[in-house]
Structures are given as structure tokens and as C-alpha cells.
Amino acid sequence: MTDVPTTPRRKLSPRDRLAVWEAHGGLCCICGARIDGVRERWIVEHVRALELGGEDDRANMRPAHEACAIDKTKTDHAMAAKAKRMKQRHIGIKRPSSFRGWRKFDGTVVKRGQQ
């Protein structure tokens, strides 16, 4: 099993944003609608998320409505978390047992039912 590292994100210059916009005709990569660049907020979205192994280059970037991108980002985070859990299970890391109790300010542990 190969590890897919998270690609570091670099800052986009206005020239890069314009190049992504022009390359894709101002169409949202998520919903497919035309983006009104003056009246609507838009961002440059990575088609394959960086945390899922996507590259931080123009071939992986598309314009997207900000609202569409927020929903896609939630889905991407959930998929990345699932992939991490699956990897941990695969290599034998167990989830911590659910602890039924609380810790006092002095550091002592009180289990539920003991007071």
C-alpha cells in the first residue's frame, strides 16, 4: 500500500487565476453553470483534492462557485478521513476505546458510577 501525501498548496497569483478562468470559459466545474465573475463569488477549485493526492498545478484547477466549492470540500474532507481510518485499520492501529467518565482538574480520572 503506497502512502498518498497531502500536496502543499501554493498561493495563486492573479495571473494564474485569470489563466484558469480563461482556460475553462468561466464555467463552474461542479454545477456546470456559467459564473458571473462580477456578481458572483468564485474560487479556483482543485478537481482532485490535494489531501486525496491531487496535484497543485493548472491541470488540476478549475473555476467554481464559492457555494458549490464549499459542498465539494465537505465531501472531500469526509473521503480523506475515511481513507485515513481505512489505512489505520489496515496497518493494525486500533481506535481508542470509548471512555465512560471524566478527568478532574487535578488529573485524576473518575469513571462513571464512581463519585
C-alpha atoms as a PDB file:
ATOM      1  CA  MET A   1       0.000   0.000   0.000  1.00  0.00           C
ATOM      2  CA  THR A   2       1.516   3.326  -1.005  1.00  0.00           C
ATOM      3  CA  ASP A   3       1.022   6.420   1.082  1.00  0.00           C
ATOM      4  CA  VAL A   4      -0.592   9.375  -0.687  1.00  0.00           C
ATOM      5  CA  PRO A   5       0.798  12.514   0.922  1.00  0.00           C
ATOM      6  CA  THR A   6      -1.052  15.806   1.029  1.00  0.00           C
ATOM      7  CA  THR A   7       0.303  18.167  -1.597  1.00  0.00           C
ATOM      8  CA  PRO A   8       1.214  21.589  -0.199  1.00  0.00           C
ATOM      9  CA  ARG A   9      -0.953  24.423  -1.535  1.00  0.00           C
ATOM     10  CA  ARG A  10       0.777  27.379  -3.120  1.00  0.00           C
ATOM     11  CA  LYS A  11      -0.614  30.902  -3.370  1.00  0.00           C
ATOM     12  CA  LEU A  12      -2.206  31.698  -6.722  1.00  0.00           C
ATOM     13  CA  SER A  13      -1.297  34.936  -8.420  1.00  0.00           C
ATOM     14  CA  PRO A  14      -3.977  36.990 -10.208  1.00  0.00           C
ATOM     15  CA  ARG A  15      -2.351  35.912 -13.470  1.00  0.00           C
ATOM     16  CA  ASP A  16      -2.825  32.236 -12.566  1.00  0.00           C
ATOM     17  CA  ARG A  17      -6.480  32.819 -11.577  1.00  0.00           C
ATOM     18  CA  LEU A  18      -7.112  34.527 -14.910  1.00  0.00           C
ATOM     19  CA  ALA A  19      -5.426  31.700 -16.813  1.00  0.00           C
ATOM     20  CA  VAL A  20      -7.644  29.095 -15.063  1.00  0.00           C
ATOM     21  CA  TRP A  21     -10.750  31.218 -15.771  1.00  0.00           C
ATOM     22  CA  GLU A  22      -9.914  31.620 -19.466  1.00  0.00           C
ATOM     23  CA  ALA A  23      -8.896  28.001 -19.962  1.00  0.00           C
ATOM     24  CA  HIS A  24     -12.334  26.795 -18.827  1.00  0.00           C
ATOM     25  CA  GLY A  25     -14.522  29.590 -20.139  1.00  0.00           C
ATOM     26  CA  GLY A  26     -15.786  30.684 -16.735  1.00  0.00           C
ATOM     27  CA  LEU A  27     -17.876  27.543 -16.211  1.00  0.00           C
ATOM     28  CA  CYS A  28     -18.280  26.115 -12.716  1.00  0.00           C
ATOM     29  CA  CYS A  29     -16.581  22.733 -12.614  1.00  0.00           C
ATOM     30  CA  ILE A  30     -19.108  21.434 -10.077  1.00  0.00           C
ATOM     31  CA  CYS A  31     -22.557  22.539 -11.265  1.00  0.00           C
ATOM     32  CA  GLY A  32     -21.640  23.372 -14.882  1.00  0.00           C
ATOM     33  CA  ALA A  33     -23.319  26.805 -14.858  1.00  0.00           C
ATOM     34  CA  ARG A  34     -21.636  29.933 -16.166  1.00  0.00           C
ATOM     35  CA  ILE A  35     -20.096  32.063 -13.410  1.00  0.00           C
ATOM     36  CA  ASP A  36     -20.816  35.787 -13.497  1.00  0.00           C
ATOM     37  CA  GLY A  37     -17.379  36.913 -12.363  1.00  0.00           C
ATOM     38  CA  VAL A  38     -18.583  40.389 -11.424  1.00  0.00           C
ATOM     39  CA  ARG A  39     -21.682  39.487  -9.385  1.00  0.00           C
ATOM     40  CA  GLU A  40     -20.838  36.029  -8.041  1.00  0.00           C
ATOM     41  CA  ARG A  41     -18.045  34.925  -5.735  1.00  0.00           C
ATOM     42  CA  TRP A  42     -15.868  32.233  -7.263  1.00  0.00           C
ATOM     43  CA  ILE A  43     -12.707  30.397  -6.365  1.00  0.00           C
ATOM     44  CA  VAL A  44     -10.173  28.193  -8.091  1.00  0.00           C
ATOM     45  CA  GLU A  45     -11.066  24.631  -7.075  1.00  0.00           C
ATOM     46  CA  HIS A  46      -8.816  21.584  -7.286  1.00  0.00           C
ATOM     47  CA  VAL A  47     -10.682  18.872  -9.191  1.00  0.00           C
ATOM     48  CA  ARG A  48      -8.873  16.163  -7.241  1.00  0.00           C
ATOM     49  CA  ALA A  49      -8.399  17.417  -3.697  1.00  0.00           C
ATOM     50  CA  LEU A  50      -4.834  17.966  -2.530  1.00  0.00           C
ATOM     51  CA  GLU A  51      -5.437  15.847   0.581  1.00  0.00           C
ATOM     52  CA  LEU A  52      -6.529  12.989  -1.686  1.00  0.00           C
ATOM     53  CA  GLY A  53      -3.326  13.124  -3.733  1.00  0.00           C
ATOM     54  CA  GLY A  54      -4.224  15.807  -6.273  1.00  0.00           C
ATOM     55  CA  GLU A  55      -1.508  17.978  -7.790  1.00  0.00           C
ATOM     56  CA  ASP A  56      -1.263  21.733  -7.238  1.00  0.00           C
ATOM     57  CA  ASP A  57      -0.936  22.678 -10.890  1.00  0.00           C
ATOM     58  CA  ARG A  58      -3.203  24.265 -13.506  1.00  0.00           C
ATOM     59  CA  ALA A  59      -4.211  20.914 -14.968  1.00  0.00           C
ATOM     60  CA  ASN A  60      -5.982  20.109 -11.682  1.00  0.00           C
ATOM     61  CA  MET A  61      -7.605  23.561 -11.234  1.00  0.00           C
ATOM     62  CA  ARG A  62     -10.994  24.792 -12.411  1.00  0.00           C
ATOM     63  CA  PRO A  63     -13.183  27.799 -11.544  1.00  0.00           C
ATOM     64  CA  ALA A  64     -16.140  27.087  -9.252  1.00  0.00           C
ATOM     65  CA  HIS A  65     -18.891  28.992  -7.472  1.00  0.00           C
ATOM     66  CA  GLU A  66     -17.866  29.521  -3.876  1.00  0.00           C
ATOM     67  CA  ALA A  67     -21.081  27.859  -2.612  1.00  0.00           C
ATOM     68  CA  CYS A  68     -20.558  24.800  -4.839  1.00  0.00           C
ATOM     69  CA  ALA A  69     -16.938  24.501  -3.695  1.00  0.00           C
ATOM     70  CA  ILE A  70     -17.922  24.550  -0.006  1.00  0.00           C
ATOM     71  CA  ASP A  71     -20.128  21.483  -0.508  1.00  0.00           C
ATOM     72  CA  LYS A  72     -17.413  19.703  -2.513  1.00  0.00           C
ATOM     73  CA  THR A  73     -14.823  20.473   0.153  1.00  0.00           C
ATOM     74  CA  LYS A  74     -17.021  18.900   2.864  1.00  0.00           C
ATOM     75  CA  THR A  75     -17.281  15.752   0.761  1.00  0.00           C
ATOM     76  CA  ASP A  76     -13.524  15.737   0.099  1.00  0.00           C
ATOM     77  CA  HIS A  77     -12.731  16.039   3.821  1.00  0.00           C
ATOM     78  CA  ALA A  78     -15.082  13.163   4.623  1.00  0.00           C
ATOM     79  CA  MET A  79     -13.460  10.967   1.952  1.00  0.00           C
ATOM     80  CA  ALA A  80      -9.956  11.812   3.209  1.00  0.00           C
ATOM     81  CA  ALA A  81     -10.934  10.999   6.801  1.00  0.00           C
ATOM     82  CA  LYS A  82     -12.392   7.659   5.681  1.00  0.00           C
ATOM     83  CA  ALA A  83      -9.224   6.851   3.734  1.00  0.00           C
ATOM     84  CA  LYS A  84      -7.112   7.591   6.821  1.00  0.00           C
ATOM     85  CA  ARG A  85      -9.325   5.368   9.002  1.00  0.00           C
ATOM     86  CA  MET A  86      -9.101   2.548   6.460  1.00  0.00           C
ATOM     87  CA  LYS A  87      -5.310   2.877   6.337  1.00  0.00           C
ATOM     88  CA  GLN A  88      -5.069   2.792  10.135  1.00  0.00           C
ATOM     89  CA  ARG A  89      -7.228  -0.325  10.263  1.00  0.00           C
ATOM     90  CA  HIS A  90      -5.146  -1.923   7.516  1.00  0.00           C
ATOM     91  CA  ILE A  91      -1.860  -1.438   9.376  1.00  0.00           C
ATOM     92  CA  GLY A  92      -3.322  -2.548  12.715  1.00  0.00           C
ATOM     93  CA  ILE A  93      -3.881   0.699  14.581  1.00  0.00           C
ATOM     94  CA  LYS A  94      -6.953   0.292  16.757  1.00  0.00           C
ATOM     95  CA  ARG A  95      -9.374   3.025  17.664  1.00  0.00           C
ATOM     96  CA  PRO A  96      -9.219   4.131  21.288  1.00  0.00           C
ATOM     97  CA  SER A  97     -11.865   2.543  23.469  1.00  0.00           C
ATOM     98  CA  SER A  98     -14.757   4.760  24.388  1.00  0.00           C
ATOM     99  CA  PHE A  99     -14.051   6.134  27.834  1.00  0.00           C
ATOM    100  CA  ARG A 100     -17.022   6.391  30.170  1.00  0.00           C
ATOM    101  CA  GLY A 101     -16.062   9.032  32.684  1.00  0.00           C
ATOM    102  CA  TRP A 102     -14.229  12.293  33.059  1.00  0.00           C
ATOM    103  CA  ARG A 103     -10.945  13.768  34.222  1.00  0.00           C
ATOM    104  CA  LYS A 104     -10.783  16.199  37.132  1.00  0.00           C
ATOM    105  CA  PHE A 105      -8.706  19.378  37.081  1.00  0.00           C
ATOM    106  CA  ASP A 106      -6.070  17.743  39.301  1.00  0.00           C
ATOM    107  CA  GLY A 107      -5.639  14.971  36.705  1.00  0.00           C
ATOM    108  CA  THR A 108      -7.402  12.150  38.498  1.00  0.00           C
ATOM    109  CA  VAL A 109      -9.816  10.041  36.487  1.00  0.00           C
ATOM    110  CA  VAL A 110     -13.343   9.358  37.682  1.00  0.00           C
ATOM    111  CA  LYS A 111     -15.210   6.530  35.948  1.00  0.00           C
ATOM    112  CA  ARG A 112     -18.933   6.706  35.520  1.00  0.00           C
ATOM    113  CA  GLY A 113     -20.704   5.296  38.569  1.00  0.00           C
ATOM    114  CA  GLN A 114     -17.839   6.232  40.922  1.00  0.00           C
ATOM    115  CA  GLN A 115     -18.240   9.583  42.583  1.00  0.00           C
END
